[in-house]
Protein backbone atom coordinates (compact mmCIF):
# COMPACT_ATOMS: atom_id res chain seq x y z
CA MET A 1 -18.13 -63.85 199.56
CA VAL A 2 -14.69 -65.08 198.60
CA GLU A 3 -13.29 -68.21 200.04
CA GLY A 4 -10.83 -67.59 202.93
CA GLN A 5 -12.44 -64.53 204.02
CA SER A 6 -14.43 -64.01 207.53
CA TYR A 7 -18.11 -63.27 207.27
CA THR A 8 -20.83 -62.46 209.93
CA ILE A 9 -24.55 -63.57 208.91
CA PRO A 10 -26.65 -61.20 211.17
CA CYS A 11 -29.78 -62.14 212.78
CA ASN A 12 -31.78 -59.89 214.96
CA THR A 13 -34.62 -60.82 217.38
CA THR A 14 -37.38 -58.71 219.39
CA VAL A 15 -37.25 -61.36 222.29
CA ASN A 16 -34.17 -61.77 225.08
CA ALA A 17 -34.00 -65.30 224.21
CA ASP A 18 -31.33 -67.64 222.48
CA VAL A 19 -31.64 -68.43 218.80
CA LYS A 20 -31.23 -71.62 216.69
CA TRP A 21 -29.03 -71.57 213.59
CA LEU A 22 -29.50 -74.17 210.83
CA PHE A 23 -27.66 -74.81 207.62
CA THR A 24 -29.31 -76.16 204.37
CA SER A 25 -27.30 -77.10 201.12
CA THR A 26 -28.19 -79.12 197.99
CA VAL A 27 -26.69 -81.82 199.93
CA THR A 28 -27.30 -81.68 203.76
CA GLU A 29 -29.38 -79.97 206.54
CA SER A 30 -27.43 -79.63 209.71
CA LEU A 31 -27.79 -77.91 213.10
CA VAL A 32 -25.01 -75.12 213.37
CA TYR A 33 -25.92 -73.47 216.80
CA ASP A 34 -28.20 -74.50 219.60
CA HIS A 35 -28.68 -73.77 223.41
CA GLY A 36 -25.10 -72.04 223.87
CA SER A 37 -23.34 -74.93 221.70
CA VAL A 38 -21.85 -74.46 218.30
CA GLN A 39 -22.23 -77.75 216.24
CA PHE A 40 -20.35 -76.91 213.26
CA GLY A 41 -16.67 -76.51 214.55
CA PRO A 42 -14.07 -74.14 215.55
CA ARG A 43 -14.57 -71.86 212.30
CA PHE A 44 -18.23 -70.82 213.72
CA SER A 45 -19.14 -68.79 216.63
CA LEU A 46 -22.05 -66.95 217.71
CA ASN A 47 -21.48 -62.95 218.11
CA THR A 48 -23.67 -61.49 220.76
CA SER A 49 -21.86 -58.27 220.96
CA VAL A 50 -24.90 -56.05 220.68
CA PRO A 51 -28.31 -56.93 222.56
CA LEU A 52 -30.91 -58.78 220.56
CA LEU A 53 -28.47 -59.55 217.61
CA TYR A 54 -27.12 -63.16 217.23
CA GLY A 55 -24.85 -63.00 214.34
CA LEU A 56 -23.05 -66.10 213.22
CA ASP A 57 -19.52 -65.43 212.70
CA ILE A 58 -17.70 -67.66 210.08
CA SER A 59 -13.84 -67.40 209.93
CA ASN A 60 -11.95 -69.00 206.72
CA VAL A 61 -15.13 -69.36 204.65
CA GLN A 62 -15.01 -72.58 202.43
CA LEU A 63 -16.65 -73.41 199.29
CA ASN A 64 -18.79 -76.01 201.19
CA ASP A 65 -20.22 -73.27 203.46
CA THR A 66 -22.41 -72.35 200.33
CA GLY A 67 -26.11 -72.72 201.30
CA ASN A 68 -28.89 -71.23 203.27
CA TYR A 69 -28.47 -70.40 206.93
CA THR A 70 -31.64 -69.88 208.90
CA CYS A 71 -31.89 -68.27 212.24
CA ILE A 72 -34.89 -68.84 214.44
CA ASP A 73 -35.29 -66.67 217.35
CA ASP A 74 -36.96 -67.48 220.83
CA VAL A 75 -35.19 -70.68 221.16
CA GLY A 76 -36.27 -72.09 217.80
CA GLN A 77 -40.10 -71.13 218.49
CA GLY A 78 -40.39 -67.52 216.85
CA ASP A 79 -39.60 -65.77 213.54
CA LYS A 80 -37.25 -67.33 211.05
CA HIS A 81 -34.46 -65.27 209.20
CA ILE A 82 -32.88 -66.97 206.06
CA HIS A 83 -29.73 -65.71 204.68
CA ASN A 84 -28.25 -67.53 201.39
CA LEU A 85 -24.40 -67.45 201.52
CA VAL A 86 -22.49 -67.86 198.17
CA VAL A 87 -18.76 -68.64 198.45
CA GLN A 88 -16.77 -67.95 195.35
CA GLY A 89 -13.35 -69.67 194.99
CA LYS A 90 -10.27 -67.89 194.70
CA CYS A 91 -8.42 -67.68 191.58
CA ARG A 92 -5.30 -69.75 191.58
CA PRO A 93 -2.33 -69.62 189.37
CA ARG A 94 -1.71 -72.61 187.18
């Protein structure tokens, strides 16, 4: 993934319940999404356009978005799905 692009991290579930999204990097662990509320700011949103899919949309991906994103289905009680996002910087002229 290149800095500045948009990206959707997929998460599917077998239960018709909400999910939790967590973010873990080498520096921090944070709650991204829980119970209908995005905790990470306006660049993050939940994509529920397809039943039983709860993708995490990230617009204008930044270098500090690099890390592990964990989706836990059934309101945090079910299966975990871990996605490692690596963001590469843009080449900038000198």
